[in-house]
Amino acid sequence: MSVSYEKFKLNEVINASGRMTILGVSTLSESVLKAQRFGGEHFFEMEKLMEQTGAYLAKLLEVEDVQIVSCASAGIAQSVAAVIGKGSLHHLYHPYDQTITRNEIILPKGHNVDYGVPVELMIRQGGGCVVEAGYANQCTAAHLEMMITERTAGILYIKSHHTVQKSMLSIAEAIEIAHQHQLPMIIDAAAEEDLMKYTDLGADLVIYSGAKAIEGPSAGMVIGKDPFVSWVRLQSKGIGRSMKIGKENVLGFVQAVEDYLAEGSESGASMKKRLEPFVQQLNTLPFLEATIVQDPAGRDIYRASVQLMQVSAKEVIAQLKEKSPVIYTREYQANNGIIEFDIRSVNQQEMKKIMQRLKEILQTKESTSCH
């Protein structure tokens, strides 16, 4: 029997929430699938495969080195282990040895978020001890600097919509502080679209998801400077062994990066153009007001923001998932009565299905409220 939703008793999914891990993140292009197939049908000397694909990507991205990893979370853990161990075989095999005291990783308190898993868990997995700088609603360069001691192994900055955005020091400021104190600077830029920006600013290690902006398979990469990236590569013989990536995804990911650099992703202007008729239709429905909004982290991503009135956003979100196709939305502002629709992975036919489902839900509520 061929693969299908029905075979495994699964619901069809409309992904209006964005590039989300809980939904498999992205769909794959034909060129990526072809590269994966080549990987799946052949054998490789895996150590050479990782070195050579890393060198190939480094040339494309104009950086010193690249290490492909299984995902961005693995990239955080292995980067933390790398800057603590600095190539030490003792640390490689004993990353949680309590005699290793230079293991503190500083990050702004507003960056210690749960993005599906807590950031601090990934730091600890790499053998790091979390040190928060500043406060939940503010972190300055001075706050970061005052936490540096002889136990500090590195600084981590999370560039994400999940983090607190206001009153936070910039990446450039964080890099300046790190380098003034001869400390490595790690940037988690998992969903970011610019693959060169942060290394150009001077970051030592920058982590990207393979399946988000790049729209590749389950993968990630750590890019940056020597010897830091080579220390990350060493982790494949340590904690990275349990996070290894298959040959088919290595080659599929490289192809996805090539395609991304050549073709880019959908522009914000294109998203807005596709959103305009969708938002107009939404505004014909009762109990809501729809507008187009930009991603709060400043990325060139636009979404439909729906403010619900007299009805519960949480109830509407739950009803959108009640039957196939289940419709996933961005739920971060549900407590404020707001649902957002990210259309990057939504086609015209799926937009019609979303409209139809919302119409059914809201008209039922309108009928109920009239009695």
Protein backbone atom coordinates (compact mmCIF):
# COMPACT_ATOMS: atom_id res chain seq x y z
CA MET A 1 0.00 0.00 0.00
CA SER A 2 1.38 3.42 -0.94
CA VAL A 3 1.95 6.13 1.64
CA SER A 4 -1.10 8.25 2.46
CA TYR A 5 -2.80 10.05 5.32
CA GLU A 6 -5.37 7.23 5.39
CA LYS A 7 -2.78 4.47 5.74
CA PHE A 8 -1.71 5.77 9.14
CA LYS A 9 -5.11 7.21 10.13
CA LEU A 10 -3.74 10.77 10.05
CA ASN A 11 -5.45 14.08 9.43
CA GLU A 12 -4.62 16.22 6.44
CA VAL A 13 -2.99 19.42 7.74
CA ILE A 14 -3.21 23.01 6.51
CA ASN A 15 -0.18 24.78 7.93
CA ALA A 16 -1.06 28.43 8.54
CA SER A 17 1.23 28.63 11.56
CA GLY A 18 4.55 28.97 9.72
CA ARG A 19 7.66 26.81 9.62
CA MET A 20 6.84 24.87 12.77
CA THR A 21 8.61 21.75 14.04
CA ILE A 22 5.34 20.27 15.34
CA LEU A 23 4.06 20.12 11.73
CA GLY A 24 7.23 18.89 10.05
CA VAL A 25 8.44 22.43 9.30
CA SER A 26 8.59 22.56 5.47
CA THR A 27 7.71 20.70 2.30
CA LEU A 28 10.54 19.78 -0.07
CA SER A 29 11.26 20.73 -3.66
CA GLU A 30 11.90 18.20 -6.43
CA SER A 31 15.61 19.11 -6.56
CA VAL A 32 15.99 18.43 -2.82
CA LEU A 33 14.10 15.13 -3.10
CA LYS A 34 16.39 14.14 -5.98
CA ALA A 35 19.49 14.89 -3.89
CA GLN A 36 18.05 12.89 -1.00
CA ARG A 37 17.40 9.98 -3.31
CA PHE A 38 21.03 9.99 -4.48
CA GLY A 39 22.12 9.96 -0.85
CA GLY A 40 19.74 7.15 0.00
CA GLU A 41 20.90 4.98 -2.91
CA HIS A 42 24.66 5.24 -2.28
CA PHE A 43 27.28 4.66 0.40
CA PHE A 44 29.78 7.26 1.57
CA GLU A 45 32.76 7.62 3.86
CA MET A 46 30.73 9.61 6.34
CA GLU A 47 33.57 11.56 7.93
CA LYS A 48 34.68 12.75 4.48
CA LEU A 49 31.10 13.47 3.47
CA MET A 50 30.66 15.80 6.45
CA GLU A 51 34.00 17.51 5.89
CA GLN A 52 33.56 17.96 2.14
CA THR A 53 29.94 19.13 2.23
CA GLY A 54 30.93 21.54 5.01
CA ALA A 55 33.79 22.88 2.90
CA TYR A 56 31.46 23.20 -0.11
CA LEU A 57 28.91 25.21 1.90
CA ALA A 58 31.66 27.33 3.44
CA LYS A 59 32.71 28.41 -0.03
CA LEU A 60 29.11 29.25 -0.97
CA LEU A 61 28.55 31.20 2.24
CA GLU A 62 31.99 32.85 2.25
CA VAL A 63 32.88 31.65 5.74
CA GLU A 64 35.82 29.67 7.10
CA ASP A 65 33.96 26.44 7.80
CA VAL A 66 30.52 24.82 8.10
CA GLN A 67 29.33 21.76 9.99
CA ILE A 68 26.00 20.19 9.04
CA VAL A 69 24.03 18.96 12.06
CA SER A 70 20.70 17.23 12.55
CA CYS A 71 18.81 20.40 13.56
CA ALA A 72 19.31 23.84 15.07
CA SER A 73 18.77 22.51 18.61
CA ALA A 74 21.60 20.04 18.07
CA GLY A 75 23.63 22.98 16.79
CA ILE A 76 23.15 24.82 20.09
CA ALA A 77 24.15 21.82 22.21
CA GLN A 78 27.19 20.97 20.08
CA SER A 79 28.32 24.62 19.84
CA VAL A 80 28.15 24.95 23.63
CA ALA A 81 30.16 21.73 24.01
CA ALA A 82 32.65 23.02 21.43
CA VAL A 83 33.42 26.33 23.16
CA ILE A 84 33.73 24.63 26.55
CA GLY A 85 35.87 21.70 25.38
CA LYS A 86 37.99 23.59 22.82
CA GLY A 87 39.02 20.33 21.19
CA SER A 88 39.77 18.51 24.44
CA LEU A 89 39.30 14.75 24.18
CA HIS A 90 38.76 14.57 27.93
CA HIS A 91 35.82 16.97 27.64
CA LEU A 92 34.57 15.17 24.53
CA TYR A 93 34.14 11.94 26.48
CA HIS A 94 33.28 13.56 29.84
CA PRO A 95 31.26 16.70 29.00
CA TYR A 96 29.58 16.74 32.43
CA ASP A 97 32.75 16.31 34.50
CA GLN A 98 32.28 18.60 37.50
CA THR A 99 35.99 19.45 37.58
CA ILE A 100 35.47 21.40 34.32
CA THR A 101 34.71 24.80 35.81
CA ARG A 102 35.01 27.10 32.81
CA ASN A 103 31.58 26.08 31.52
CA GLU A 104 29.29 29.08 32.00
CA ILE A 105 27.29 30.29 29.01
CA ILE A 106 25.85 33.79 29.35
CA LEU A 107 22.66 34.80 27.56
CA PRO A 108 20.14 37.63 28.04
CA LYS A 109 17.42 36.60 30.48
CA GLY A 110 14.75 37.44 27.87
CA HIS A 111 16.40 34.94 25.52
CA ASN A 112 16.02 31.97 27.86
CA VAL A 113 12.75 30.97 26.21
CA ASP A 114 10.89 27.80 25.37
CA TYR A 115 10.79 27.46 21.57
CA GLY A 116 9.41 23.92 21.81
CA VAL A 117 12.13 23.01 24.28
CA PRO A 118 13.84 25.39 26.75
CA VAL A 119 17.03 27.05 25.52
CA GLU A 120 18.67 26.24 28.86
CA LEU A 121 18.11 22.52 28.28
CA MET A 122 20.20 22.64 25.10
CA ILE A 123 22.93 24.55 26.95
CA ARG A 124 22.99 21.94 29.70
CA GLN A 125 23.03 19.13 27.15
CA GLY A 126 26.25 20.62 25.83
CA GLY A 127 27.72 20.60 29.33
CA GLY A 128 27.09 24.29 29.94
CA CYS A 129 25.91 26.12 33.03
CA VAL A 130 23.31 28.81 32.27
CA VAL A 131 24.01 32.36 33.43
CA GLU A 132 21.26 34.89 32.68
CA ALA A 133 22.13 38.54 32.11
CA GLY A 134 19.78 41.45 32.75
CA TYR A 135 16.07 41.09 33.26
CA ALA A 136 13.09 39.63 31.41
CA ASN A 137 12.29 43.01 29.89
CA GLN A 138 15.76 44.52 29.56
CA CYS A 139 19.34 43.50 28.88
CA THR A 140 22.03 46.03 28.05
CA ALA A 141 25.67 45.59 27.11
CA ALA A 142 26.55 46.48 30.71
CA HIS A 143 24.23 43.76 32.04
CA LEU A 144 25.95 41.21 29.80
CA GLU A 145 29.46 42.35 30.69
CA MET A 146 28.91 42.30 34.46
CA MET A 147 28.17 38.54 34.34
CA ILE A 148 31.55 37.65 32.79
CA THR A 149 33.95 35.83 35.12
CA GLU A 150 36.88 33.41 34.83
CA ARG A 151 34.24 30.65 34.58
CA THR A 152 32.68 32.09 31.39
CA ALA A 153 33.11 29.87 28.32
CA GLY A 154 31.02 31.85 25.82
CA ILE A 155 28.05 34.09 25.11
CA LEU A 156 24.85 32.96 23.40
CA TYR A 157 22.35 35.24 21.65
CA ILE A 158 18.98 33.90 20.46
CA LYS A 159 17.68 35.76 17.38
CA SER A 160 14.03 34.72 17.34
CA HIS A 161 10.47 35.98 17.51
CA HIS A 162 10.13 33.82 20.64
CA THR A 163 12.44 36.11 22.61
CA VAL A 164 11.75 39.46 24.27
CA GLN A 165 12.30 42.10 21.61
CA LYS A 166 12.21 45.39 23.51
CA SER A 167 15.10 46.87 25.46
CA MET A 168 17.56 44.18 24.37
CA LEU A 169 21.13 44.79 23.32
CA SER A 170 21.82 44.26 19.63
CA ILE A 171 23.80 41.37 18.20
CA ALA A 172 26.60 43.80 17.27
CA GLU A 173 26.79 44.99 20.89
CA ALA A 174 26.88 41.41 22.18
CA ILE A 175 29.67 40.50 19.73
CA GLU A 176 31.67 43.55 20.80
CA ILE A 177 31.44 42.57 24.49
CA ALA A 178 32.35 38.94 23.74
CA HIS A 179 35.41 39.85 21.73
CA GLN A 180 36.59 42.50 24.20
CA HIS A 181 36.84 39.62 26.69
CA GLN A 182 38.26 37.08 24.18
CA LEU A 183 35.09 34.98 24.41
CA PRO A 184 33.39 33.09 21.56
CA MET A 185 30.05 34.49 20.40
CA ILE A 186 27.34 31.99 19.42
CA ILE A 187 24.23 33.19 17.56
CA ASP A 188 21.17 30.96 17.30
CA ALA A 189 19.61 32.27 14.09
CA ALA A 190 17.51 29.16 13.43
CA ALA A 191 14.70 30.76 11.42
CA GLU A 192 16.58 33.77 10.08
CA GLU A 193 16.70 34.35 6.33
CA ASP A 194 20.08 36.08 5.90
CA LEU A 195 22.76 33.39 5.92
CA MET A 196 25.71 35.82 5.90
CA LYS A 197 24.65 38.75 8.08
CA TYR A 198 25.83 37.51 11.47
CA THR A 199 29.20 36.14 10.42
CA ASP A 200 29.76 39.46 8.63
CA LEU A 201 29.10 41.15 11.99
CA GLY A 202 31.85 39.00 13.52
CA ALA A 203 30.00 36.12 15.22
CA ASP A 204 32.18 33.06 15.76
CA LEU A 205 29.43 30.43 15.40
CA VAL A 206 26.01 30.94 13.81
CA ILE A 207 23.34 28.25 13.88
CA TYR A 208 20.62 27.85 11.23
CA SER A 209 17.74 25.42 10.84
CA GLY A 210 17.75 23.53 7.58
CA ALA A 211 13.99 23.21 7.36
CA LYS A 212 12.77 26.73 8.15
CA ALA A 213 13.76 29.64 5.89
CA ILE A 214 15.93 27.32 3.77
CA GLU A 215 13.01 24.87 3.29
CA GLY A 216 15.23 21.81 3.34
CA PRO A 217 14.95 18.46 5.11
CA SER A 218 15.41 17.93 8.85
CA ALA A 219 18.88 19.38 9.27
CA GLY A 220 20.80 22.40 10.43
CA MET A 221 24.22 23.94 10.13
CA VAL A 222 26.75 25.72 12.29
CA ILE A 223 28.77 28.20 10.27
CA GLY A 224 31.64 30.46 11.22
CA LYS A 225 35.28 30.60 12.15
CA ASP A 226 38.09 28.17 12.75
CA PRO A 227 38.86 26.52 15.07
CA PHE A 228 35.35 26.85 16.52
CA VAL A 229 33.57 24.94 13.73
CA SER A 230 36.14 22.15 13.82
CA TRP A 231 35.45 21.83 17.56
CA VAL A 232 31.76 21.47 16.71
CA ARG A 233 32.63 18.78 14.16
CA LEU A 234 34.55 16.92 16.83
CA GLN A 235 31.30 16.55 18.80
CA SER A 236 30.16 13.88 16.31
CA LYS A 237 32.37 11.59 18.38
CA GLY A 238 30.82 12.84 21.61
CA ILE A 239 27.34 14.17 22.39
CA GLY A 240 26.70 14.63 18.66
CA ARG A 241 26.67 10.86 18.13
CA SER A 242 23.09 10.71 19.41
CA MET A 243 22.18 13.63 17.12
CA LYS A 244 23.70 12.30 13.90
CA ILE A 245 22.18 13.14 10.54
CA GLY A 246 21.68 10.67 7.69
CA LYS A 247 23.54 10.89 4.39
CA GLU A 248 20.32 11.49 2.45
CA ASN A 249 19.50 14.57 4.54
CA VAL A 250 23.06 15.87 4.33
CA LEU A 251 22.89 15.93 0.52
CA GLY A 252 19.29 17.16 0.47
CA PHE A 253 20.23 20.00 2.79
CA VAL A 254 23.21 21.07 0.67
CA GLN A 255 20.92 21.20 -2.36
CA ALA A 256 18.37 23.22 -0.40
CA VAL A 257 21.03 25.79 0.54
CA GLU A 258 22.17 26.05 -3.08
CA ASP A 259 18.58 26.58 -4.22
CA TYR A 260 17.95 29.11 -1.46
CA LEU A 261 21.00 31.18 -2.36
CA ALA A 262 20.04 31.11 -6.04
CA GLU A 263 16.31 31.72 -5.71
CA GLY A 264 15.70 33.13 -2.23
CA SER A 265 12.37 32.81 -0.45
CA GLU A 266 9.06 34.52 -1.00
CA SER A 267 9.38 38.26 -0.48
CA GLY A 268 7.34 40.26 1.97
CA ALA A 269 5.82 42.19 -0.94
CA SER A 270 4.60 38.92 -2.49
CA MET A 271 3.12 37.79 0.83
CA LYS A 272 1.27 41.08 1.24
CA LYS A 273 -0.11 40.79 -2.28
CA ARG A 274 -1.40 37.27 -1.58
CA LEU A 275 -2.75 38.35 1.80
CA GLU A 276 -4.80 41.33 0.58
CA PRO A 277 -7.74 39.40 -0.94
CA PHE A 278 -7.61 36.89 1.94
CA VAL A 279 -7.88 39.67 4.51
CA GLN A 280 -10.70 41.32 2.55
CA GLN A 281 -12.64 38.06 2.64
CA LEU A 282 -11.93 37.59 6.33
CA ASN A 283 -13.40 41.00 7.04
CA THR A 284 -16.75 39.86 5.62
CA LEU A 285 -17.10 37.42 8.54
CA PRO A 286 -18.80 38.32 11.84
CA PHE A 287 -16.97 38.87 15.15
CA LEU A 288 -13.58 39.76 13.72
CA GLU A 289 -11.36 42.44 12.27
CA ALA A 290 -8.46 41.36 10.06
CA THR A 291 -5.29 43.29 9.17
CA ILE A 292 -1.88 42.55 7.66
CA VAL A 293 0.99 42.63 10.16
CA GLN A 294 4.75 42.16 9.95
CA ASP A 295 6.68 39.56 11.94
CA PRO A 296 7.48 41.10 15.37
CA ALA A 297 11.17 40.15 15.10
CA GLY A 298 11.45 42.40 12.02
CA ARG A 299 11.79 39.66 9.41
CA ASP A 300 10.36 40.30 5.93
CA ILE A 301 7.36 38.10 6.74
CA TYR A 302 3.74 39.29 6.73
CA ARG A 303 0.69 37.58 8.19
CA ALA A 304 -3.04 38.02 8.54
CA SER A 305 -3.85 39.10 12.09
CA VAL A 306 -7.43 38.44 13.19
CA GLN A 307 -8.80 40.24 16.25
CA LEU A 308 -11.83 38.33 17.52
CA MET A 309 -14.63 40.09 19.36
CA GLN A 310 -17.34 38.51 21.53
CA VAL A 311 -15.96 35.03 20.84
CA SER A 312 -12.99 33.20 22.36
CA ALA A 313 -9.88 32.98 20.18
CA LYS A 314 -8.88 29.81 22.03
CA GLU A 315 -12.23 28.19 21.23
CA VAL A 316 -11.96 29.11 17.55
CA ILE A 317 -8.40 27.74 17.42
CA ALA A 318 -9.60 24.47 18.95
CA GLN A 319 -12.49 24.19 16.49
CA LEU A 320 -10.15 24.75 13.53
CA LYS A 321 -8.38 21.55 14.58
CA GLU A 322 -11.49 19.44 15.17
CA LYS A 323 -11.81 17.82 11.75
CA SER A 324 -9.71 17.05 8.69
CA PRO A 325 -8.14 19.02 7.20
CA VAL A 326 -6.98 20.32 10.59
CA ILE A 327 -5.97 23.97 10.39
CA TYR A 328 -3.02 25.18 12.47
CA THR A 329 -2.57 28.89 13.09
CA ARG A 330 -0.19 31.05 15.11
CA GLU A 331 -1.56 30.96 18.64
CA TYR A 332 0.90 33.16 20.53
CA GLN A 333 -1.60 35.99 21.08
CA ALA A 334 -4.72 33.92 21.69
CA ASN A 335 -4.92 35.29 25.24
CA ASN A 336 -5.37 38.75 23.66
CA GLY A 337 -8.11 37.47 21.33
CA ILE A 338 -5.80 37.41 18.30
CA ILE A 339 -5.18 34.61 15.80
CA GLU A 340 -2.53 34.98 13.09
CA PHE A 341 -2.42 33.19 9.74
CA ASP A 342 1.02 32.63 8.18
CA ILE A 343 0.49 31.91 4.48
CA ARG A 344 4.04 31.02 3.42
CA SER A 345 3.04 27.35 3.16
CA VAL A 346 -0.60 27.94 2.23
CA ASN A 347 -1.87 27.84 -1.36
CA GLN A 348 -4.98 29.46 -2.81
CA GLN A 349 -7.11 26.34 -2.44
CA GLU A 350 -6.13 25.99 1.20
CA MET A 351 -7.01 29.65 1.84
CA LYS A 352 -10.50 28.89 0.58
CA LYS A 353 -10.74 25.94 3.00
CA ILE A 354 -9.66 28.19 5.88
CA MET A 355 -12.29 30.75 4.92
CA GLN A 356 -14.98 28.09 4.70
CA ARG A 357 -14.13 26.62 8.09
CA LEU A 358 -14.02 30.03 9.78
CA LYS A 359 -17.32 30.91 8.18
CA GLU A 360 -18.92 27.73 9.56
CA ILE A 361 -17.54 28.35 13.06
CA LEU A 362 -18.42 32.03 13.28
CA GLN A 363 -21.85 31.76 11.68
CA THR A 364 -22.74 29.04 14.19
CA LYS A 365 -21.69 31.38 16.99
CA GLU A 366 -23.65 34.24 15.39
CA SER A 367 -26.76 32.05 15.23
CA THR A 368 -26.31 31.03 18.89
CA SER A 369 -25.83 34.63 20.04
CA CYS A 370 -29.09 35.71 18.36
CA HIS A 371 -31.21 33.38 20.52
